[in-house]
Amino acid sequence: MNFVKLGAGVALNLDSVASITWEGKGTRLVAKVSYLIPSPKGAGGQAQLVSEKFTGDAAQILYKYLSEQTDRIQSAEDPRATGGRATTPNNRAPAEPLDLLADQLGTQKKGWYYVKDSKGHGYFIALINAKGSCSMRTFDAETGRFLGKRYQTNARYQENFLPQLNKPRELSVNEQPNLERDCRHQLPQNILSHLKNQV
């Protein structure tokens, strides 16, 4: 188990955490920690997300711990980025809290899904977590035409957009396109074909 001590009598098992979202800054930093737990018997087998908030020293310690872990991981993976020396939070700008957590816990930053509306029309959905916010882009599943984008600050798509989708089916792409540049009006043909082959 991967415990981090947050104060006297308080320790958090990071292995049980589904996500952490952050609010505020400095001494007003708040960490909202969510856990995925099995549903009670007879509840349809869906797992449930439960949350609790840490404030004050506990939030500060958790943020610092994840920052330091991310610094270690990144410097170990690419020592050239720091001239071969170890990095610390003092000589480097801290990573965004949500990106930190993705690195620490291996959560996804990008996802592709297929959904149908009530009339049976299909859509491809591109979801992204970046810089503490998330976005959802919708494309027509037949033509690949871009239909719109939604954006949410201080959130991850796993909690903000994914629960809103009707029976989403997770897909993969053979290469992640630049959504702003390559998908402004329509999905590239190779991406569209790859997605269609999975439906």
N, C-alpha and C. Protein backbone atom coordinates (compact mmCIF):
# COMPACT_ATOMS: atom_id res chain seq x y z
N MET A 1 0.83 -1.19 0.00
CA MET A 1 0.00 0.00 0.00
C MET A 1 0.87 1.25 0.00
N ASN A 2 0.36 2.30 -0.62
CA ASN A 2 1.12 3.53 -0.83
C ASN A 2 0.52 4.64 0.03
N PHE A 3 0.98 4.74 1.29
CA PHE A 3 0.43 5.71 2.22
C PHE A 3 1.24 7.00 2.22
N VAL A 4 0.55 8.12 2.39
CA VAL A 4 1.21 9.40 2.64
C VAL A 4 0.58 9.98 3.90
N LYS A 5 1.44 10.38 4.85
CA LYS A 5 0.96 10.94 6.12
C LYS A 5 0.62 12.41 5.93
N LEU A 6 -0.62 12.78 6.27
CA LEU A 6 -1.09 14.14 6.07
C LEU A 6 -1.15 14.95 7.37
N GLY A 7 -0.81 14.33 8.47
CA GLY A 7 -0.84 15.03 9.74
C GLY A 7 -0.96 14.03 10.87
N ALA A 8 -1.11 14.54 12.09
CA ALA A 8 -1.21 13.66 13.25
C ALA A 8 -2.46 12.79 13.13
N GLY A 9 -2.25 11.48 13.05
CA GLY A 9 -3.37 10.55 13.00
C GLY A 9 -4.09 10.49 11.66
N VAL A 10 -3.54 11.11 10.61
CA VAL A 10 -4.19 11.10 9.30
C VAL A 10 -3.21 10.59 8.25
N ALA A 11 -3.58 9.52 7.55
CA ALA A 11 -2.77 9.00 6.45
C ALA A 11 -3.70 8.61 5.32
N LEU A 12 -3.26 8.82 4.10
CA LEU A 12 -4.07 8.55 2.93
C LEU A 12 -3.42 7.45 2.11
N ASN A 13 -4.19 6.41 1.76
CA ASN A 13 -3.70 5.34 0.91
C ASN A 13 -3.94 5.73 -0.55
N LEU A 14 -2.89 6.14 -1.25
CA LEU A 14 -3.03 6.61 -2.63
C LEU A 14 -3.49 5.50 -3.57
N ASP A 15 -3.28 4.24 -3.20
CA ASP A 15 -3.72 3.13 -4.05
C ASP A 15 -5.24 3.07 -4.15
N SER A 16 -5.95 3.66 -3.18
CA SER A 16 -7.42 3.59 -3.18
C SER A 16 -8.06 4.83 -3.80
N VAL A 17 -7.24 5.79 -4.24
CA VAL A 17 -7.76 7.05 -4.76
C VAL A 17 -8.08 6.95 -6.24
N ALA A 18 -9.28 7.44 -6.61
CA ALA A 18 -9.66 7.49 -8.03
C ALA A 18 -9.22 8.82 -8.64
N SER A 19 -9.36 9.91 -7.87
CA SER A 19 -8.96 11.22 -8.40
C SER A 19 -8.81 12.21 -7.25
N ILE A 20 -8.08 13.28 -7.53
CA ILE A 20 -7.98 14.41 -6.61
C ILE A 20 -8.16 15.67 -7.44
N THR A 21 -9.06 16.52 -7.00
CA THR A 21 -9.21 17.83 -7.64
C THR A 21 -8.85 18.90 -6.62
N TRP A 22 -8.38 20.03 -7.13
CA TRP A 22 -7.85 21.08 -6.27
C TRP A 22 -8.64 22.37 -6.45
N GLU A 23 -8.82 23.07 -5.34
CA GLU A 23 -9.47 24.37 -5.36
C GLU A 23 -8.61 25.32 -4.53
N GLY A 24 -8.61 26.60 -4.93
CA GLY A 24 -7.89 27.60 -4.17
C GLY A 24 -6.39 27.51 -4.34
N LYS A 25 -5.69 28.37 -3.62
CA LYS A 25 -4.23 28.42 -3.68
C LYS A 25 -3.67 28.72 -2.31
N GLY A 26 -2.36 28.47 -2.17
CA GLY A 26 -1.66 28.82 -0.93
C GLY A 26 -2.32 28.20 0.28
N THR A 27 -2.56 29.02 1.31
CA THR A 27 -3.13 28.53 2.56
C THR A 27 -4.60 28.15 2.41
N ARG A 28 -5.22 28.54 1.29
CA ARG A 28 -6.63 28.21 1.05
C ARG A 28 -6.81 27.02 0.12
N LEU A 29 -5.73 26.28 -0.12
CA LEU A 29 -5.78 25.12 -0.98
C LEU A 29 -6.69 24.05 -0.37
N VAL A 30 -7.56 23.49 -1.20
CA VAL A 30 -8.46 22.41 -0.78
C VAL A 30 -8.28 21.24 -1.74
N ALA A 31 -8.09 20.05 -1.18
CA ALA A 31 -7.97 18.84 -1.98
C ALA A 31 -9.24 18.02 -1.83
N LYS A 32 -9.94 17.79 -2.94
CA LYS A 32 -11.13 16.93 -2.92
C LYS A 32 -10.69 15.56 -3.42
N VAL A 33 -10.66 14.59 -2.51
CA VAL A 33 -10.18 13.25 -2.82
C VAL A 33 -11.38 12.34 -3.05
N SER A 34 -11.41 11.68 -4.21
CA SER A 34 -12.51 10.78 -4.56
C SER A 34 -12.03 9.34 -4.60
N TYR A 35 -12.87 8.44 -4.10
CA TYR A 35 -12.58 7.02 -4.07
C TYR A 35 -13.67 6.28 -4.83
N LEU A 36 -13.29 5.26 -5.59
CA LEU A 36 -14.25 4.42 -6.29
C LEU A 36 -14.49 3.20 -5.42
N ILE A 37 -15.73 3.02 -4.95
CA ILE A 37 -16.04 1.90 -4.07
C ILE A 37 -17.11 1.02 -4.71
N PRO A 38 -17.11 -0.27 -4.38
CA PRO A 38 -18.15 -1.16 -4.93
C PRO A 38 -19.53 -0.70 -4.48
N SER A 39 -20.52 -0.93 -5.34
CA SER A 39 -21.88 -0.53 -4.98
C SER A 39 -22.47 -1.54 -4.00
N PRO A 40 -23.45 -1.11 -3.20
CA PRO A 40 -24.12 -2.06 -2.31
C PRO A 40 -24.83 -3.13 -3.12
N LYS A 41 -25.09 -4.26 -2.52
CA LYS A 41 -25.78 -5.34 -3.21
C LYS A 41 -27.14 -4.86 -3.69
N GLY A 42 -27.49 -5.24 -4.90
CA GLY A 42 -28.79 -4.86 -5.45
C GLY A 42 -28.81 -3.49 -6.09
N ALA A 43 -27.63 -2.84 -6.24
CA ALA A 43 -27.59 -1.50 -6.82
C ALA A 43 -27.17 -1.54 -8.29
N GLY A 44 -27.26 -2.68 -8.92
CA GLY A 44 -26.97 -2.76 -10.34
C GLY A 44 -25.52 -2.99 -10.68
N GLY A 45 -24.67 -3.18 -9.68
CA GLY A 45 -23.27 -3.49 -9.92
C GLY A 45 -22.40 -2.31 -10.31
N GLN A 46 -22.95 -1.11 -10.32
CA GLN A 46 -22.16 0.07 -10.67
C GLN A 46 -21.34 0.52 -9.46
N ALA A 47 -20.08 0.80 -9.69
CA ALA A 47 -19.24 1.33 -8.62
C ALA A 47 -19.67 2.77 -8.32
N GLN A 48 -19.42 3.21 -7.10
CA GLN A 48 -19.82 4.56 -6.69
C GLN A 48 -18.59 5.38 -6.36
N LEU A 49 -18.69 6.68 -6.63
CA LEU A 49 -17.62 7.60 -6.32
C LEU A 49 -17.98 8.35 -5.04
N VAL A 50 -17.16 8.23 -4.01
CA VAL A 50 -17.36 8.98 -2.77
C VAL A 50 -16.18 9.91 -2.58
N SER A 51 -16.44 11.06 -1.97
CA SER A 51 -15.40 12.08 -1.85
C SER A 51 -15.30 12.63 -0.44
N GLU A 52 -14.12 13.15 -0.12
CA GLU A 52 -13.93 13.91 1.10
C GLU A 52 -12.93 15.02 0.80
N LYS A 53 -12.99 16.08 1.60
CA LYS A 53 -12.12 17.23 1.37
C LYS A 53 -11.07 17.34 2.46
N PHE A 54 -9.85 17.68 2.03
CA PHE A 54 -8.76 17.95 2.95
C PHE A 54 -8.39 19.42 2.78
N THR A 55 -8.22 20.12 3.90
CA THR A 55 -7.86 21.53 3.86
C THR A 55 -6.61 21.76 4.71
N GLY A 56 -6.16 23.00 4.76
CA GLY A 56 -5.05 23.37 5.64
C GLY A 56 -3.78 22.58 5.36
N ASP A 57 -3.13 22.16 6.45
CA ASP A 57 -1.85 21.45 6.34
C ASP A 57 -1.98 20.15 5.54
N ALA A 58 -3.11 19.45 5.72
CA ALA A 58 -3.28 18.16 5.03
C ALA A 58 -3.26 18.36 3.51
N ALA A 59 -3.96 19.37 3.01
CA ALA A 59 -3.97 19.64 1.57
C ALA A 59 -2.59 20.06 1.10
N GLN A 60 -1.89 20.89 1.89
CA GLN A 60 -0.55 21.35 1.52
C GLN A 60 0.43 20.18 1.45
N ILE A 61 0.37 19.29 2.43
CA ILE A 61 1.28 18.14 2.47
C ILE A 61 1.02 17.22 1.28
N LEU A 62 -0.26 16.98 0.97
CA LEU A 62 -0.61 16.11 -0.15
C LEU A 62 -0.11 16.70 -1.47
N TYR A 63 -0.31 18.00 -1.66
CA TYR A 63 0.13 18.65 -2.89
C TYR A 63 1.66 18.58 -3.01
N LYS A 64 2.34 18.87 -1.91
CA LYS A 64 3.82 18.84 -1.93
C LYS A 64 4.33 17.42 -2.20
N TYR A 65 3.69 16.44 -1.59
CA TYR A 65 4.11 15.05 -1.78
C TYR A 65 3.98 14.65 -3.25
N LEU A 66 2.82 14.93 -3.86
CA LEU A 66 2.61 14.56 -5.25
C LEU A 66 3.54 15.33 -6.17
N SER A 67 3.82 16.60 -5.84
CA SER A 67 4.76 17.39 -6.64
C SER A 67 6.15 16.77 -6.62
N GLU A 68 6.60 16.38 -5.42
CA GLU A 68 7.93 15.79 -5.29
C GLU A 68 8.01 14.45 -6.00
N GLN A 69 6.95 13.64 -5.91
CA GLN A 69 6.95 12.36 -6.59
C GLN A 69 7.02 12.54 -8.10
N THR A 70 6.28 13.51 -8.61
CA THR A 70 6.30 13.77 -10.04
C THR A 70 7.66 14.26 -10.48
N ASP A 71 8.30 15.12 -9.68
CA ASP A 71 9.64 15.60 -10.00
C ASP A 71 10.62 14.43 -10.10
N ARG A 72 10.51 13.50 -9.15
CA ARG A 72 11.42 12.34 -9.16
C ARG A 72 11.19 11.49 -10.40
N ILE A 73 9.92 11.25 -10.72
CA ILE A 73 9.59 10.42 -11.88
C ILE A 73 10.12 11.06 -13.15
N GLN A 74 9.87 12.36 -13.31
CA GLN A 74 10.26 13.04 -14.54
C GLN A 74 11.78 13.13 -14.67
N SER A 75 12.48 13.38 -13.57
CA SER A 75 13.94 13.48 -13.66
C SER A 75 14.56 12.11 -13.91
N ALA A 76 13.92 11.06 -13.40
CA ALA A 76 14.43 9.71 -13.64
C ALA A 76 14.21 9.29 -15.08
N GLU A 77 13.07 9.73 -15.66
CA GLU A 77 12.76 9.36 -17.04
C GLU A 77 13.61 10.12 -18.04
N ASP A 78 13.95 11.38 -17.74
CA ASP A 78 14.69 12.19 -18.71
C ASP A 78 15.68 13.10 -17.98
N PRO A 79 16.81 12.57 -17.53
CA PRO A 79 17.79 13.39 -16.81
C PRO A 79 18.36 14.50 -17.67
N ARG A 80 18.29 14.37 -19.01
CA ARG A 80 18.80 15.44 -19.88
C ARG A 80 18.01 16.73 -19.70
N ALA A 81 16.72 16.58 -19.32
CA ALA A 81 15.88 17.77 -19.18
C ALA A 81 16.37 18.67 -18.06
N THR A 82 17.14 18.12 -17.13
CA THR A 82 17.64 18.91 -16.01
C THR A 82 19.15 18.97 -15.99
N GLY A 83 19.78 18.67 -17.12
CA GLY A 83 21.24 18.70 -17.19
C GLY A 83 21.88 17.59 -16.41
N GLY A 84 21.14 16.49 -16.18
CA GLY A 84 21.69 15.34 -15.48
C GLY A 84 21.61 15.44 -13.97
N ARG A 85 21.04 16.53 -13.45
CA ARG A 85 20.94 16.65 -11.99
C ARG A 85 19.49 16.47 -11.56
N ALA A 86 19.31 16.09 -10.33
CA ALA A 86 17.96 15.91 -9.79
C ALA A 86 17.26 17.25 -9.67
N THR A 87 15.95 17.22 -9.84
CA THR A 87 15.19 18.46 -9.70
C THR A 87 14.41 18.45 -8.40
N THR A 88 14.09 19.61 -7.92
CA THR A 88 13.27 19.75 -6.72
C THR A 88 12.23 20.80 -6.99
N PRO A 89 11.16 20.86 -6.17
CA PRO A 89 10.14 21.88 -6.38
C PRO A 89 10.71 23.30 -6.27
N ASN A 90 11.90 23.47 -5.67
CA ASN A 90 12.46 24.81 -5.51
C ASN A 90 13.10 25.35 -6.78
N ASN A 91 13.59 24.45 -7.65
CA ASN A 91 14.25 24.96 -8.85
C ASN A 91 13.45 24.69 -10.11
N ARG A 92 12.17 24.39 -9.93
CA ARG A 92 11.33 24.11 -11.08
C ARG A 92 9.89 24.48 -10.80
N ALA A 93 9.20 24.99 -11.80
CA ALA A 93 7.79 25.35 -11.62
C ALA A 93 6.99 24.08 -11.33
N PRO A 94 6.08 24.13 -10.36
CA PRO A 94 5.31 22.92 -10.03
C PRO A 94 4.39 22.53 -11.16
N ALA A 95 4.16 21.23 -11.30
CA ALA A 95 3.22 20.76 -12.31
C ALA A 95 1.81 21.14 -11.90
N GLU A 96 0.92 21.17 -12.87
CA GLU A 96 -0.48 21.41 -12.56
C GLU A 96 -0.98 20.28 -11.67
N PRO A 97 -1.78 20.58 -10.63
CA PRO A 97 -2.22 19.54 -9.71
C PRO A 97 -2.90 18.35 -10.38
N LEU A 98 -3.75 18.58 -11.38
CA LEU A 98 -4.44 17.46 -11.99
C LEU A 98 -3.52 16.64 -12.86
N ASP A 99 -2.55 17.28 -13.51
CA ASP A 99 -1.57 16.53 -14.29
C ASP A 99 -0.65 15.73 -13.38
N LEU A 100 -0.36 16.28 -12.22
CA LEU A 100 0.41 15.58 -11.21
C LEU A 100 -0.23 14.26 -10.86
N LEU A 101 -1.53 14.33 -10.60
CA LEU A 101 -2.23 13.14 -10.16
C LEU A 101 -2.26 12.10 -11.27
N ALA A 102 -2.43 12.54 -12.49
CA ALA A 102 -2.42 11.60 -13.61
C ALA A 102 -1.08 10.88 -13.67
N ASP A 103 0.02 11.61 -13.46
CA ASP A 103 1.33 10.98 -13.47
C ASP A 103 1.49 10.04 -12.28
N GLN A 104 1.03 10.47 -11.11
CA GLN A 104 1.22 9.69 -9.89
C GLN A 104 0.40 8.40 -9.90
N LEU A 105 -0.85 8.49 -10.37
CA LEU A 105 -1.75 7.35 -10.26
C LEU A 105 -2.01 6.66 -11.60
N GLY A 106 -1.42 7.18 -12.67
CA GLY A 106 -1.58 6.53 -13.96
C GLY A 106 -2.95 6.73 -14.59
N THR A 107 -3.68 7.78 -14.21
CA THR A 107 -4.99 8.01 -14.79
C THR A 107 -4.85 8.61 -16.17
N GLN A 108 -5.89 8.43 -16.98
CA GLN A 108 -5.85 8.88 -18.36
C GLN A 108 -6.02 10.39 -18.48
N LYS A 109 -5.27 10.98 -19.40
CA LYS A 109 -5.43 12.40 -19.71
C LYS A 109 -6.27 12.61 -20.95
N LYS A 110 -6.41 11.55 -21.78
CA LYS A 110 -7.17 11.65 -23.03
C LYS A 110 -8.02 10.41 -23.20
N GLY A 111 -9.19 10.58 -23.77
CA GLY A 111 -10.07 9.43 -24.01
C GLY A 111 -10.97 9.67 -25.21
N TRP A 112 -11.28 8.58 -25.94
CA TRP A 112 -12.18 8.62 -27.08
C TRP A 112 -13.33 7.67 -26.80
N TYR A 113 -14.56 8.11 -27.12
CA TYR A 113 -15.75 7.31 -26.82
C TYR A 113 -16.75 7.39 -27.97
N TYR A 114 -17.60 6.38 -28.03
CA TYR A 114 -18.71 6.36 -28.98
C TYR A 114 -20.00 6.31 -28.19
N VAL A 115 -20.94 7.17 -28.55
CA VAL A 115 -22.25 7.19 -27.90
C VAL A 115 -23.34 7.32 -28.96
N LYS A 116 -24.56 6.93 -28.59
CA LYS A 116 -25.73 7.11 -29.45
C LYS A 116 -26.76 7.96 -28.73
N ASP A 117 -27.49 8.76 -29.51
CA ASP A 117 -28.58 9.52 -28.91
C ASP A 117 -29.85 8.67 -28.91
N SER A 118 -30.97 9.24 -28.45
CA SER A 118 -32.22 8.48 -28.32
C SER A 118 -32.76 8.01 -29.67
N LYS A 119 -32.33 8.66 -30.77
CA LYS A 119 -32.77 8.27 -32.10
C LYS A 119 -31.81 7.30 -32.78
N GLY A 120 -30.76 6.91 -32.07
CA GLY A 120 -29.81 5.94 -32.61
C GLY A 120 -28.69 6.53 -33.42
N HIS A 121 -28.59 7.87 -33.46
CA HIS A 121 -27.50 8.50 -34.21
C HIS A 121 -26.22 8.44 -33.38
N GLY A 122 -25.10 8.12 -34.03
CA GLY A 122 -23.85 7.94 -33.31
C GLY A 122 -22.94 9.16 -33.33
N TYR A 123 -22.15 9.27 -32.27
CA TYR A 123 -21.20 10.38 -32.13
C TYR A 123 -19.89 9.87 -31.57
N PHE A 124 -18.78 10.45 -32.03
CA PHE A 124 -17.49 10.21 -31.42
C PHE A 124 -17.18 11.38 -30.49
N ILE A 125 -16.72 11.06 -29.30
CA ILE A 125 -16.44 12.06 -28.28
C ILE A 125 -14.96 12.01 -27.93
N ALA A 126 -14.29 13.16 -27.98
CA ALA A 126 -12.89 13.27 -27.57
C ALA A 126 -12.83 14.03 -26.25
N LEU A 127 -12.27 13.42 -25.23
CA LEU A 127 -12.17 14.02 -23.90
C LEU A 127 -10.71 14.24 -23.54
N ILE A 128 -10.42 15.40 -22.95
CA ILE A 128 -9.04 15.77 -22.63
C ILE A 128 -8.97 16.40 -21.24
N ASN A 129 -7.97 16.01 -20.46
CA ASN A 129 -7.59 16.72 -19.23
C ASN A 129 -6.29 17.46 -19.51
N ALA A 130 -6.24 18.76 -19.20
CA ALA A 130 -5.01 19.52 -19.41
C ALA A 130 -5.02 20.76 -18.54
N LYS A 131 -3.91 21.01 -17.84
CA LYS A 131 -3.69 22.23 -17.07
C LYS A 131 -4.82 22.50 -16.08
N GLY A 132 -5.29 21.44 -15.43
CA GLY A 132 -6.30 21.61 -14.39
C GLY A 132 -7.71 21.76 -14.89
N SER A 133 -7.94 21.62 -16.18
CA SER A 133 -9.27 21.75 -16.76
C SER A 133 -9.53 20.57 -17.69
N CYS A 134 -10.75 20.52 -18.24
CA CYS A 134 -11.06 19.44 -19.18
C CYS A 134 -11.95 19.96 -20.29
N SER A 135 -11.94 19.23 -21.40
CA SER A 135 -12.77 19.61 -22.54
C SER A 135 -13.38 18.37 -23.17
N MET A 136 -14.51 18.58 -23.85
CA MET A 136 -15.20 17.51 -24.57
C MET A 136 -15.56 18.02 -25.95
N ARG A 137 -15.07 17.31 -26.97
CA ARG A 137 -15.40 17.64 -28.36
C ARG A 137 -16.27 16.53 -28.93
N THR A 138 -17.29 16.93 -29.70
CA THR A 138 -18.23 15.97 -30.28
C THR A 138 -18.13 16.00 -31.80
N PHE A 139 -18.09 14.80 -32.39
CA PHE A 139 -18.00 14.66 -33.85
C PHE A 139 -19.09 13.70 -34.33
N ASP A 140 -19.64 13.98 -35.49
CA ASP A 140 -20.60 13.08 -36.10
C ASP A 140 -19.90 11.78 -36.46
N ALA A 141 -20.46 10.64 -36.05
CA ALA A 141 -19.79 9.36 -36.25
C ALA A 141 -19.80 8.91 -37.71
N GLU A 142 -20.71 9.44 -38.50
CA GLU A 142 -20.77 9.04 -39.91
C GLU A 142 -19.81 9.85 -40.77
N THR A 143 -19.85 11.17 -40.59
CA THR A 143 -19.05 12.05 -41.46
C THR A 143 -17.76 12.55 -40.81
N GLY A 144 -17.69 12.47 -39.47
CA GLY A 144 -16.53 13.00 -38.76
C GLY A 144 -16.60 14.51 -38.55
N ARG A 145 -17.72 15.14 -38.94
CA ARG A 145 -17.85 16.60 -38.82
C ARG A 145 -17.85 17.04 -37.36
N PHE A 146 -17.08 18.10 -37.06
CA PHE A 146 -17.01 18.67 -35.72
C PHE A 146 -18.34 19.34 -35.38
N LEU A 147 -18.91 19.00 -34.23
CA LEU A 147 -20.23 19.52 -33.85
C LEU A 147 -20.18 20.50 -32.69
N GLY A 148 -19.11 20.48 -31.90
CA GLY A 148 -19.04 21.44 -30.80
C GLY A 148 -18.07 21.02 -29.72
N LYS A 149 -17.78 21.98 -28.84
CA LYS A 149 -16.83 21.76 -27.75
C LYS A 149 -17.41 22.33 -26.46
N ARG A 150 -17.19 21.60 -25.38
CA ARG A 150 -17.53 22.08 -24.04
C ARG A 150 -16.26 22.08 -23.21
N TYR A 151 -16.18 23.02 -22.28
CA TYR A 151 -14.97 23.23 -21.50
C TYR A 151 -15.34 23.42 -20.03
N GLN A 152 -14.54 22.88 -19.13
CA GLN A 152 -14.80 23.04 -17.70
C GLN A 152 -13.48 23.24 -16.96
N THR A 153 -13.40 24.30 -16.16
CA THR A 153 -12.20 24.55 -15.39
C THR A 153 -12.25 23.79 -14.06
N ASN A 154 -11.07 23.57 -13.49
CA ASN A 154 -10.94 22.89 -12.20
C ASN A 154 -11.70 21.58 -12.14
N ALA A 155 -11.56 20.78 -13.19
CA ALA A 155 -12.28 19.50 -13.23
C ALA A 155 -11.54 18.53 -14.14
N ARG A 156 -11.86 17.25 -13.98
CA ARG A 156 -11.35 16.21 -14.86
C ARG A 156 -12.51 15.62 -15.63
N TYR A 157 -12.27 15.18 -16.87
CA TYR A 157 -13.38 14.67 -17.67
C TYR A 157 -13.99 13.42 -17.08
N GLN A 158 -13.19 12.65 -16.31
CA GLN A 158 -13.71 11.41 -15.73
C GLN A 158 -14.88 11.68 -14.78
N GLU A 159 -14.86 12.81 -14.08
CA GLU A 159 -15.95 13.14 -13.17
C GLU A 159 -16.93 14.14 -13.76
N ASN A 160 -16.46 14.99 -14.68
CA ASN A 160 -17.31 16.07 -15.17
C ASN A 160 -18.14 15.70 -16.40
N PHE A 161 -17.50 15.13 -17.42
CA PHE A 161 -18.21 14.85 -18.67
C PHE A 161 -18.62 13.39 -18.83
N LEU A 162 -17.74 12.47 -18.44
CA LEU A 162 -18.00 11.05 -18.70
C LEU A 162 -19.33 10.57 -18.09
N PRO A 163 -19.67 10.97 -16.84
CA PRO A 163 -20.95 10.50 -16.29
C PRO A 163 -22.17 11.02 -17.05
N GLN A 164 -22.01 12.08 -17.85
CA GLN A 164 -23.14 12.64 -18.60
C GLN A 164 -23.42 11.88 -19.89
N LEU A 165 -22.47 11.06 -20.34
CA LEU A 165 -22.62 10.35 -21.61
C LEU A 165 -23.52 9.13 -21.45
N ASN A 166 -24.30 8.86 -22.48
CA ASN A 166 -25.24 7.73 -22.47
C ASN A 166 -24.53 6.45 -22.93
N LYS A 167 -24.26 5.56 -21.99
CA LYS A 167 -23.61 4.28 -22.27
C LYS A 167 -22.38 4.45 -23.17
N PRO A 168 -21.39 5.21 -22.72
CA PRO A 168 -20.22 5.44 -23.57
C PRO A 168 -19.41 4.17 -23.79
N ARG A 169 -18.98 3.99 -25.02
CA ARG A 169 -18.13 2.85 -25.36
C ARG A 169 -16.73 3.38 -25.64
N GLU A 170 -15.76 2.96 -24.86
CA GLU A 170 -14.40 3.48 -25.01
C GLU A 170 -13.74 2.94 -26.28
N LEU A 171 -13.09 3.85 -27.00
CA LEU A 171 -12.40 3.52 -28.23
C LEU A 171 -10.92 3.90 -28.11
N SER A 172 -10.16 3.61 -29.15
CA SER A 172 -8.76 4.03 -29.17
C SER A 172 -8.48 4.68 -30.52
N VAL A 173 -7.42 5.45 -30.58
CA VAL A 173 -6.98 6.03 -31.85
C VAL A 173 -5.58 5.53 -32.14
N ASN A 174 -5.26 5.37 -33.45
CA ASN A 174 -3.94 4.88 -33.81
C ASN A 174 -2.87 5.93 -33.58
N GLU A 175 -3.27 7.21 -33.59
CA GLU A 175 -2.40 8.30 -33.20
C GLU A 175 -3.26 9.44 -32.71
N GLN A 176 -2.82 10.11 -31.66
CA GLN A 176 -3.61 11.21 -31.08
C GLN A 176 -3.43 12.46 -31.94
N PRO A 177 -4.51 12.95 -32.56
CA PRO A 177 -4.36 14.16 -33.37
C PRO A 177 -4.31 15.41 -32.49
N ASN A 178 -3.81 16.49 -33.03
CA ASN A 178 -3.91 17.79 -32.37
C ASN A 178 -5.33 18.28 -32.63
N LEU A 179 -6.17 18.27 -31.60
CA LEU A 179 -7.58 18.55 -31.79
C LEU A 179 -7.84 19.98 -32.26
N GLU A 180 -7.05 20.93 -31.76
CA GLU A 180 -7.24 22.32 -32.17
C GLU A 180 -6.84 22.54 -33.62
N ARG A 181 -5.76 21.91 -34.03
CA ARG A 181 -5.24 22.14 -35.38
C ARG A 181 -5.84 21.20 -36.42
N ASP A 182 -5.88 19.89 -36.11
CA ASP A 182 -6.26 18.90 -37.10
C ASP A 182 -7.75 18.58 -37.15
N CYS A 183 -8.48 18.92 -36.08
CA CYS A 183 -9.88 18.50 -36.00
C CYS A 183 -10.82 19.70 -35.83
N ARG A 184 -10.38 20.85 -36.27
CA ARG A 184 -11.18 22.07 -36.08
C ARG A 184 -12.53 21.98 -36.79
N HIS A 185 -12.55 21.37 -37.97
CA HIS A 185 -13.80 21.26 -38.74
C HIS A 185 -14.26 19.81 -38.90
N GLN A 186 -13.31 18.89 -38.89
CA GLN A 186 -13.65 17.49 -39.14
C GLN A 186 -12.50 16.59 -38.70
N LEU A 187 -12.84 15.36 -38.35
CA LEU A 187 -11.80 14.39 -38.00
C LEU A 187 -11.01 14.03 -39.25
N PRO A 188 -9.68 13.90 -39.14
CA PRO A 188 -8.90 13.42 -40.28
C PRO A 188 -9.39 12.04 -40.72
N GLN A 189 -9.30 11.74 -42.00
CA GLN A 189 -9.87 10.51 -42.54
C GLN A 189 -9.30 9.26 -41.88
N ASN A 190 -7.98 9.25 -41.60
CA ASN A 190 -7.39 8.06 -40.99
C ASN A 190 -7.91 7.83 -39.57
N ILE A 191 -8.13 8.92 -38.82
CA ILE A 191 -8.69 8.80 -37.47
C ILE A 191 -10.13 8.34 -37.54
N LEU A 192 -10.92 8.94 -38.44
CA LEU A 192 -12.33 8.57 -38.58
C LEU A 192 -12.47 7.10 -38.95
N SER A 193 -11.66 6.63 -39.90
CA SER A 193 -11.73 5.22 -40.32
C SER A 193 -11.38 4.29 -39.17
N HIS A 194 -10.35 4.66 -38.43
CA HIS A 194 -9.92 3.83 -37.29
C HIS A 194 -11.02 3.75 -36.24
N LEU A 195 -11.69 4.86 -35.95
CA LEU A 195 -12.79 4.86 -34.97
C LEU A 195 -13.98 4.05 -35.49
N LYS A 196 -14.32 4.24 -36.75
CA LYS A 196 -15.45 3.51 -37.32
C LYS A 196 -15.25 2.00 -37.28
N ASN A 197 -14.02 1.58 -37.47
CA ASN A 197 -13.74 0.14 -37.48
C ASN A 197 -13.96 -0.51 -36.11
N GLN A 198 -14.03 0.31 -35.07
CA GLN A 198 -14.23 -0.23 -33.71
C GLN A 198 -15.70 -0.26 -33.29
N VAL A 199 -16.55 0.37 -34.10
CA VAL A 199 -17.98 0.47 -33.74
C VAL A 199 -18.75 -0.69 -34.36
